Amino acid sequence: MNFFSLDFETATHERSSACELGICLVEDSKIISTKTWLIKPPSFPYFNQGNIDVHGISPQDVKDSPTFDEIWHEVEDLMYGNLMIAHNASFDAGVMRTCLEYYGLFSPKINYLCSIQVAKKSWNYLPKYGLSPLAEYHNIQFKHHRAGADAEVCAQISLLGFEKLILTSNEEVLEYFSKDIKKL
């Protein structure tokens, strides 16, 4: 099974304000790498204090970072041809779409799936399906609300969910979750 999981952190309520991106690559059902970029958002130097309180990323942290369009080609190469999985995927897909629109970049043709849907079908008896409760349930330690860590936990949860559902290939995942798969 091959896919990538993705997570964004934002500087403000604006979806174009990505300030961190994490991508975790999975090949042959194994995590092979996780990459994280700090990003200088269009709102720089303004960050909403509520957002800083959640992820701990401040304007000072990104002052020398590239903008989204400056990292896009590297990001796009990592994503090429793979299924995208994100926790609360509508948010992350929205950030991706809005950043691409803001910088006038073409949106790749990518299918994406929300790991919350994977978790709900795999462990339908759990009271909560947030990333932290799921990580706790599976004894996974991580620093929540940092994009690389969140992307990696999303990949781990997805792999565990696919294993529980006895899904062993991308084709089986696409068929099983056909109603839940969206296009970017």
Protein backbone atom coordinates (compact mmCIF):
# COMPACT_ATOMS: atom_id res chain seq x y z
CA MET A 1 0.00 0.00 0.00
CA ASN A 2 1.32 3.44 -0.96
CA PHE A 3 0.00 6.79 0.22
CA PHE A 4 1.06 9.97 1.92
CA SER A 5 -0.45 11.65 4.93
CA LEU A 6 -0.44 15.39 5.23
CA ASP A 7 -1.05 18.02 7.89
CA PHE A 8 -1.11 21.81 7.82
CA GLU A 9 -0.89 24.33 10.62
CA THR A 10 -2.18 27.83 9.91
CA ALA A 11 -1.24 31.29 11.18
CA THR A 12 -4.78 32.71 11.11
CA HIS A 13 -8.35 31.65 10.35
CA GLU A 14 -7.57 32.19 6.65
CA ARG A 15 -7.02 28.92 4.83
CA SER A 16 -4.22 30.51 2.78
CA SER A 17 -2.19 31.15 5.96
CA ALA A 18 -0.30 27.83 6.07
CA CYS A 19 2.68 28.24 8.40
CA GLU A 20 3.76 24.60 8.59
CA LEU A 21 3.29 21.55 6.38
CA GLY A 22 4.14 17.96 7.22
CA ILE A 23 4.07 15.03 4.81
CA CYS A 24 4.61 11.41 5.80
CA LEU A 25 5.35 8.99 2.95
CA VAL A 26 4.19 5.38 3.12
CA GLU A 27 5.50 2.78 0.67
CA ASP A 28 4.66 -0.91 0.81
CA SER A 29 2.66 -0.26 4.00
CA LYS A 30 5.69 1.16 5.81
CA ILE A 31 6.48 4.73 6.81
CA ILE A 32 9.62 5.62 4.90
CA SER A 33 10.03 9.33 5.71
CA THR A 34 8.41 12.40 7.19
CA LYS A 35 9.23 15.87 5.92
CA THR A 36 8.26 19.17 7.52
CA TRP A 37 8.45 22.72 6.21
CA LEU A 38 7.95 25.94 8.12
CA ILE A 39 6.21 28.35 5.75
CA LYS A 40 6.04 32.15 5.73
CA PRO A 41 2.29 32.81 5.22
CA PRO A 42 0.83 35.72 3.22
CA SER A 43 -0.36 37.23 6.51
CA PHE A 44 3.24 37.55 7.77
CA PRO A 45 4.07 39.04 10.21
CA TYR A 46 0.51 38.75 11.54
CA PHE A 47 -0.38 35.50 13.34
CA ASN A 48 -3.56 35.03 15.35
CA GLN A 49 -2.67 34.46 19.01
CA GLY A 50 -5.22 31.63 19.23
CA ASN A 51 -3.41 29.78 16.45
CA ILE A 52 -0.03 30.35 18.12
CA ASP A 53 -1.51 28.99 21.36
CA VAL A 54 -2.51 25.77 19.53
CA HIS A 55 0.69 24.99 17.60
CA GLY A 56 3.35 27.20 19.19
CA ILE A 57 4.61 28.56 15.84
CA SER A 58 5.26 32.31 15.92
CA PRO A 59 6.13 34.89 13.25
CA GLN A 60 9.73 34.77 14.51
CA ASP A 61 9.87 31.04 13.70
CA VAL A 62 8.96 31.56 10.03
CA LYS A 63 10.58 34.94 9.26
CA ASP A 64 13.32 33.30 7.14
CA SER A 65 11.15 30.44 5.81
CA PRO A 66 10.05 30.01 2.20
CA THR A 67 6.53 30.83 1.07
CA PHE A 68 4.18 28.04 -0.04
CA ASP A 69 4.88 28.60 -3.73
CA GLU A 70 8.63 28.26 -3.06
CA ILE A 71 8.23 24.74 -1.62
CA TRP A 72 5.41 23.61 -3.90
CA HIS A 73 7.48 21.75 -6.53
CA GLU A 74 9.20 19.65 -3.86
CA VAL A 75 5.85 18.96 -2.18
CA GLU A 76 4.17 18.09 -5.47
CA ASP A 77 6.94 15.60 -6.31
CA LEU A 78 6.34 13.79 -2.99
CA MET A 79 2.59 13.64 -3.61
CA TYR A 80 2.65 12.62 -7.25
CA GLY A 81 0.31 9.73 -8.03
CA ASN A 82 -0.43 8.83 -4.43
CA LEU A 83 -3.56 8.78 -2.32
CA MET A 84 -3.58 11.62 0.22
CA ILE A 85 -4.80 10.91 3.76
CA ALA A 86 -5.32 13.59 6.40
CA HIS A 87 -7.03 13.74 9.77
CA ASN A 88 -10.03 16.03 9.29
CA ALA A 89 -9.12 16.01 5.61
CA SER A 90 -11.61 18.69 4.56
CA PHE A 91 -9.54 21.25 6.51
CA ASP A 92 -6.17 20.20 5.07
CA ALA A 93 -7.54 19.83 1.53
CA GLY A 94 -9.07 23.30 1.90
CA VAL A 95 -5.74 24.76 3.01
CA MET A 96 -3.98 23.07 0.08
CA ARG A 97 -6.57 24.31 -2.45
CA THR A 98 -6.56 27.85 -1.05
CA CYS A 99 -2.75 28.08 -0.99
CA LEU A 100 -2.60 26.82 -4.59
CA GLU A 101 -5.23 29.38 -5.64
CA TYR A 102 -3.52 32.20 -3.74
CA TYR A 103 -0.24 31.60 -5.59
CA GLY A 104 -1.85 30.79 -8.95
CA LEU A 105 -0.60 27.21 -8.97
CA PHE A 106 -2.38 24.32 -10.68
CA SER A 107 -4.07 21.85 -8.36
CA PRO A 108 -2.90 18.25 -8.81
CA LYS A 109 -5.44 15.55 -9.54
CA ILE A 110 -5.30 13.77 -6.21
CA ASN A 111 -7.79 11.58 -4.38
CA TYR A 112 -7.94 12.06 -0.64
CA LEU A 113 -9.40 10.23 2.31
CA CYS A 114 -10.02 11.33 5.88
CA SER A 115 -8.38 9.16 8.52
CA ILE A 116 -11.34 9.87 10.80
CA GLN A 117 -13.46 7.79 8.39
CA VAL A 118 -10.83 5.03 8.52
CA ALA A 119 -10.88 5.11 12.33
CA LYS A 120 -14.68 5.13 12.59
CA LYS A 121 -14.94 2.05 10.37
CA SER A 122 -12.05 0.30 12.14
CA TRP A 123 -12.93 1.07 15.78
CA ASN A 124 -16.64 1.94 15.72
CA TYR A 125 -16.86 1.59 19.51
CA LEU A 126 -14.55 4.47 20.45
CA PRO A 127 -16.07 7.59 22.05
CA LYS A 128 -13.77 10.07 20.24
CA TYR A 129 -11.95 10.11 16.91
CA GLY A 130 -9.61 13.07 17.29
CA LEU A 131 -5.94 12.48 16.59
CA SER A 132 -4.95 12.65 20.28
CA PRO A 133 -7.59 10.15 21.52
CA LEU A 134 -6.73 7.75 18.69
CA ALA A 135 -3.01 8.04 19.40
CA GLU A 136 -3.65 7.46 23.08
CA TYR A 137 -5.81 4.41 22.31
CA HIS A 138 -2.94 2.95 20.26
CA ASN A 139 -0.19 4.02 22.72
CA ILE A 140 1.41 6.38 20.20
CA GLN A 141 3.34 9.29 21.71
CA PHE A 142 3.63 12.53 19.71
CA LYS A 143 3.74 16.32 19.88
CA HIS A 144 0.23 17.27 18.76
CA HIS A 145 -0.33 20.26 16.47
CA ARG A 146 3.06 20.09 14.82
CA ALA A 147 2.57 19.21 11.18
CA GLY A 148 5.21 16.48 10.78
CA ALA A 149 4.20 14.68 13.97
CA ASP A 150 0.49 14.91 13.15
CA ALA A 151 1.08 13.63 9.59
CA GLU A 152 3.08 10.68 10.90
CA VAL A 153 0.44 9.74 13.50
CA CYS A 154 -2.22 10.04 10.80
CA ALA A 155 -0.23 7.54 8.71
CA GLN A 156 0.20 5.18 11.68
CA ILE A 157 -3.53 5.31 12.53
CA SER A 158 -4.44 4.73 8.87
CA LEU A 159 -2.10 1.75 8.57
CA LEU A 160 -3.53 0.24 11.78
CA GLY A 161 -7.07 0.85 10.50
CA PHE A 162 -6.36 -0.75 7.12
CA GLU A 163 -4.83 -3.74 8.92
CA LYS A 164 -7.92 -4.08 11.15
CA LEU A 165 -10.17 -3.92 8.06
CA ILE A 166 -7.89 -6.43 6.27
CA LEU A 167 -7.21 -3.99 3.41
CA THR A 168 -3.83 -4.74 1.86
CA SER A 169 -3.70 -2.69 -1.35
CA ASN A 170 -4.58 0.74 -2.65
CA GLU A 171 -7.22 -0.85 -4.88
CA GLU A 172 -8.92 -2.44 -1.85
CA VAL A 173 -8.82 0.88 0.04
CA LEU A 174 -10.30 2.77 -2.93
CA GLU A 175 -13.07 0.19 -3.27
CA TYR A 176 -13.87 -0.06 0.47
CA PHE A 177 -13.88 3.71 0.99
CA SER A 178 -15.34 4.61 -2.42
CA LYS A 179 -18.06 6.81 -0.86
CA ASP A 180 -15.54 8.58 1.40
CA ILE A 181 -12.85 9.38 -1.20
CA LYS A 182 -12.85 12.97 -2.47
CA LYS A 183 -10.91 14.78 -5.19
CA LEU A 184 -8.65 17.71 -4.38
